[in-house]
Amino acid sequence: MSEDIMQGPRLYHVYSTVFRRDYNVTAADKRHLYHVDNSMWTPKKPSLTLHAGTDNKAPIHAVCKYAHFSRHAKFGLGDPNQPNQVTWEDLTCQSWTRVKYRWQMPLRNHPASKHHAFVWKRTSNVGVTDSSPSIWAYDNYKLVDEKSEQVMAVFTSSSHKSVNKNGKLEIYVDYGQEFDVLVLITVIALIEKHRRAKHNASASGGAAAGGSSCC
């Protein structure tokens, strides 16, 4: 990994709030960085809204929208309440088993590409530096560069002992704060998609809640 890109890994902790509705993100030293508002029923409101602060009154930095009856989603950097501020991108499922999701973004500090593509892949053998992913956990992901297959980031879900903690995200490249924000919103989008699918399957009493129904 080249020294002009790699500036040291950054660790984030992802937690669920009461009743597992919203999400909070802290730094490695547990400083509260982001609050992710999770909306399921409000018309025209993004499914996920990432606020740079402790609650939904803080400035909006990113959003994500789920499409009904679709494996895909859309996400954007910026505040949709401000006209023409958000640049929308696609989070595209590339596998019928829902284990690969592709997305892209412009890397303003990276002259090699105006739009760079990345892929989240479910993994059972790559974990955050001080963690080992459980083979039984579904929400373990690695983010790879689509062209080079270099690992850009890893999300390792927490064990069942951590009731409110979803897991830890470690980002290995320094593409700027916007990149970190979009890595966060896209991986939380996958976690929440899987959570909703499990809830729907449980409510219906029949559908399997495993990989084939995560989206």
Protein backbone atom coordinates (compact mmCIF):
# COMPACT_ATOMS: atom_id res chain seq x y z
CA MET A 1 0.00 0.00 0.00
CA SER A 2 1.55 3.29 -1.03
CA GLU A 3 2.60 5.76 1.67
CA ASP A 4 0.85 8.69 -0.02
CA ILE A 5 -2.49 6.92 0.49
CA MET A 6 -1.98 5.02 3.73
CA GLN A 7 -1.93 7.32 6.77
CA GLY A 8 -2.74 4.73 9.40
CA PRO A 9 -5.97 2.79 10.02
CA ARG A 10 -8.97 4.45 11.63
CA LEU A 11 -11.26 2.51 13.94
CA TYR A 12 -14.98 3.18 14.39
CA HIS A 13 -17.46 1.48 16.76
CA VAL A 14 -21.07 1.04 15.60
CA TYR A 15 -23.87 0.72 18.17
CA SER A 16 -27.63 0.28 18.02
CA THR A 17 -29.84 2.53 20.10
CA VAL A 18 -32.80 1.47 22.25
CA PHE A 19 -34.95 -1.16 20.52
CA ARG A 20 -32.22 -1.38 17.79
CA ARG A 21 -33.82 1.43 15.79
CA ASP A 22 -31.09 4.02 15.22
CA TYR A 23 -27.30 3.78 15.15
CA ASN A 24 -24.46 5.64 16.84
CA VAL A 25 -20.85 5.74 15.69
CA THR A 26 -17.89 6.48 17.95
CA ALA A 27 -14.16 6.85 17.37
CA ALA A 28 -11.55 4.43 18.74
CA ASP A 29 -11.42 6.48 21.96
CA LYS A 30 -15.24 6.25 22.19
CA ARG A 31 -15.85 9.92 21.25
CA HIS A 32 -19.33 10.21 19.73
CA LEU A 33 -18.96 11.11 16.04
CA TYR A 34 -22.19 10.31 14.21
CA HIS A 35 -25.84 9.49 14.79
CA VAL A 36 -27.72 7.55 12.10
CA ASP A 37 -31.47 8.13 12.07
CA ASN A 38 -33.34 5.05 10.86
CA SER A 39 -36.71 5.73 9.21
CA MET A 40 -39.08 3.00 8.07
CA TRP A 41 -42.46 4.68 7.76
CA THR A 42 -42.04 8.40 7.01
CA PRO A 43 -42.86 9.07 3.31
CA LYS A 44 -40.11 10.68 1.23
CA LYS A 45 -37.66 10.58 4.14
CA PRO A 46 -34.36 8.72 3.53
CA SER A 47 -34.17 5.29 5.08
CA LEU A 48 -30.93 6.24 6.84
CA THR A 49 -29.67 9.74 7.63
CA LEU A 50 -26.16 10.19 9.01
CA HIS A 51 -25.79 13.22 11.29
CA ALA A 52 -22.39 14.57 12.35
CA GLY A 53 -23.24 14.72 16.05
CA THR A 54 -25.07 12.98 18.85
CA ASP A 55 -28.66 13.16 17.57
CA ASN A 56 -30.87 13.94 14.57
CA LYS A 57 -30.54 17.69 15.13
CA ALA A 58 -26.89 17.65 14.08
CA PRO A 59 -25.85 18.52 10.48
CA ILE A 60 -26.60 15.87 7.85
CA HIS A 61 -23.54 14.45 6.09
CA ALA A 62 -24.98 11.46 4.19
CA VAL A 63 -28.21 9.61 3.43
CA CYS A 64 -29.36 6.26 2.05
CA LYS A 65 -32.64 5.21 0.42
CA TYR A 66 -33.90 1.64 0.11
CA ALA A 67 -36.06 0.78 -2.87
CA HIS A 68 -39.16 -1.32 -2.17
CA PHE A 69 -38.84 -4.95 -3.24
CA SER A 70 -35.30 -4.37 -4.49
CA ARG A 71 -31.88 -5.75 -3.63
CA HIS A 72 -30.34 -2.36 -4.37
CA ALA A 73 -30.22 1.04 -2.68
CA LYS A 74 -29.14 4.62 -3.33
CA PHE A 75 -26.92 6.74 -1.12
CA GLY A 76 -25.68 10.28 -1.24
CA LEU A 77 -23.17 12.60 0.36
CA GLY A 78 -24.68 15.80 1.72
CA ASP A 79 -28.01 17.11 3.01
CA PRO A 80 -31.08 16.42 0.80
CA ASN A 81 -32.84 19.37 2.45
CA GLN A 82 -30.42 21.67 0.66
CA PRO A 83 -31.23 22.03 -3.10
CA ASN A 84 -28.81 20.29 -5.44
CA GLN A 85 -26.41 19.44 -2.63
CA VAL A 86 -26.55 15.64 -2.72
CA THR A 87 -24.71 13.56 -5.31
CA TRP A 88 -26.55 10.24 -5.52
CA GLU A 89 -24.77 6.94 -6.16
CA ASP A 90 -25.97 3.33 -6.39
CA LEU A 91 -25.34 0.55 -3.89
CA THR A 92 -25.82 -2.38 -6.23
CA CYS A 93 -26.22 -6.00 -5.17
CA GLN A 94 -24.05 -8.18 -7.44
CA SER A 95 -24.97 -11.59 -6.13
CA TRP A 96 -28.21 -13.52 -5.83
CA THR A 97 -26.98 -14.66 -2.40
CA ARG A 98 -26.62 -10.99 -1.41
CA VAL A 99 -22.98 -11.21 -0.39
CA LYS A 100 -21.48 -8.59 -2.76
CA TYR A 101 -22.45 -4.93 -3.09
CA ARG A 102 -20.79 -2.46 -5.44
CA TRP A 103 -20.64 1.31 -5.08
CA GLN A 104 -18.52 4.15 -6.36
CA MET A 105 -17.59 7.72 -5.58
CA PRO A 106 -15.37 10.49 -6.97
CA LEU A 107 -12.04 10.61 -5.16
CA ARG A 108 -11.13 14.27 -5.18
CA ASN A 109 -7.70 13.66 -3.64
CA HIS A 110 -6.91 10.72 -5.90
CA PRO A 111 -5.82 11.77 -9.42
CA ALA A 112 -6.05 8.24 -10.84
CA SER A 113 -9.83 8.16 -11.05
CA LYS A 114 -12.77 10.58 -11.16
CA HIS A 115 -15.05 7.75 -10.03
CA HIS A 116 -13.58 4.88 -8.12
CA ALA A 117 -15.47 1.61 -7.60
CA PHE A 118 -15.52 -0.46 -4.42
CA VAL A 119 -17.20 -3.73 -3.44
CA TRP A 120 -18.42 -4.85 -0.03
CA LYS A 121 -17.98 -8.62 0.27
CA ARG A 122 -19.24 -10.79 3.08
CA THR A 123 -16.29 -12.55 4.72
CA SER A 124 -15.56 -15.12 7.42
CA ASN A 125 -11.77 -14.96 7.32
CA VAL A 126 -10.84 -11.25 7.40
CA GLY A 127 -11.45 -9.23 10.55
CA VAL A 128 -10.58 -5.97 12.24
CA THR A 129 -7.01 -6.02 13.58
CA ASP A 130 -7.83 -7.18 17.12
CA SER A 131 -10.84 -9.33 16.20
CA SER A 132 -11.63 -12.63 14.53
CA PRO A 133 -14.91 -12.85 12.62
CA SER A 134 -17.29 -15.56 13.69
CA ILE A 135 -18.19 -18.02 10.96
CA TRP A 136 -21.75 -17.93 12.30
CA ALA A 137 -22.17 -14.16 12.05
CA TYR A 138 -23.69 -12.76 8.87
CA ASP A 139 -22.62 -9.12 9.08
CA ASN A 140 -18.87 -9.46 8.55
CA TYR A 141 -17.66 -7.55 5.49
CA LYS A 142 -14.51 -6.47 3.75
CA LEU A 143 -14.39 -3.53 1.35
CA VAL A 144 -12.13 -4.08 -1.65
CA ASP A 145 -11.01 -1.92 -4.53
CA GLU A 146 -12.84 -3.30 -7.57
CA LYS A 147 -9.77 -3.24 -9.82
CA SER A 148 -6.90 -4.14 -7.50
CA GLU A 149 -8.83 -6.27 -4.95
CA GLN A 150 -6.87 -4.43 -2.24
CA VAL A 151 -8.71 -4.43 1.09
CA MET A 152 -9.78 -0.87 1.90
CA ALA A 153 -11.76 -1.52 5.09
CA VAL A 154 -13.18 -4.30 7.25
CA PHE A 155 -16.33 -4.51 9.37
CA THR A 156 -16.41 -7.21 12.05
CA SER A 157 -19.71 -7.78 13.83
CA SER A 158 -19.79 -8.15 17.59
CA SER A 159 -20.45 -11.38 19.43
CA HIS A 160 -23.81 -12.09 21.00
CA LYS A 161 -22.39 -10.88 24.32
CA SER A 162 -22.50 -7.26 23.11
CA VAL A 163 -26.23 -6.60 23.04
CA ASN A 164 -26.17 -3.03 21.69
CA LYS A 165 -22.92 -3.09 19.75
CA ASN A 166 -23.12 -4.01 16.08
CA GLY A 167 -19.40 -4.18 15.50
CA LYS A 168 -16.19 -2.40 14.59
CA LEU A 169 -15.17 -0.79 11.32
CA GLU A 170 -11.51 -0.33 10.44
CA ILE A 171 -10.54 1.79 7.42
CA TYR A 172 -7.01 1.31 6.07
CA VAL A 173 -6.71 4.02 3.40
CA ASP A 174 -6.86 7.78 3.69
CA TYR A 175 -9.14 9.08 0.94
CA GLY A 176 -10.50 11.89 3.10
CA GLN A 177 -13.46 12.36 5.44
CA GLU A 178 -16.02 12.01 2.64
CA PHE A 179 -14.75 8.50 1.91
CA ASP A 180 -14.96 7.51 5.58
CA VAL A 181 -18.54 8.84 5.77
CA LEU A 182 -19.62 6.86 2.70
CA VAL A 183 -17.92 3.71 3.96
CA LEU A 184 -19.92 4.11 7.17
CA ILE A 185 -23.29 4.81 5.51
CA THR A 186 -22.93 1.92 3.04
CA VAL A 187 -21.93 -0.71 5.61
CA ILE A 188 -24.67 0.43 8.02
CA ALA A 189 -27.07 0.20 5.06
CA LEU A 190 -26.14 -3.47 4.67
CA ILE A 191 -26.46 -4.14 8.40
CA GLU A 192 -29.88 -2.50 8.53
CA LYS A 193 -31.08 -4.30 5.38
CA HIS A 194 -30.25 -7.61 7.00
CA ARG A 195 -31.89 -6.59 10.30
CA ARG A 196 -35.12 -5.62 8.51
CA ALA A 197 -35.14 -8.85 6.54
CA LYS A 198 -34.75 -10.91 9.72
CA HIS A 199 -37.54 -8.93 11.36
CA ASN A 200 -39.84 -9.38 8.37
CA ALA A 201 -39.06 -13.09 8.19
CA SER A 202 -39.77 -13.50 11.89
CA ALA A 203 -43.00 -11.54 11.58
CA SER A 204 -44.19 -13.60 8.64
CA GLY A 205 -43.31 -16.78 10.50
CA GLY A 206 -42.04 -18.59 7.46
CA ALA A 207 -39.29 -17.03 5.37
CA ALA A 208 -35.69 -17.88 6.15
CA ALA A 209 -33.65 -15.06 7.62
CA GLY A 210 -30.32 -16.15 6.21
CA GLY A 211 -28.32 -14.90 3.25
CA SER A 212 -31.02 -15.47 0.66
CA SER A 213 -33.35 -12.96 2.30
CA CYS A 214 -31.04 -10.23 3.54
CA CYS A 215 -32.27 -7.71 0.99
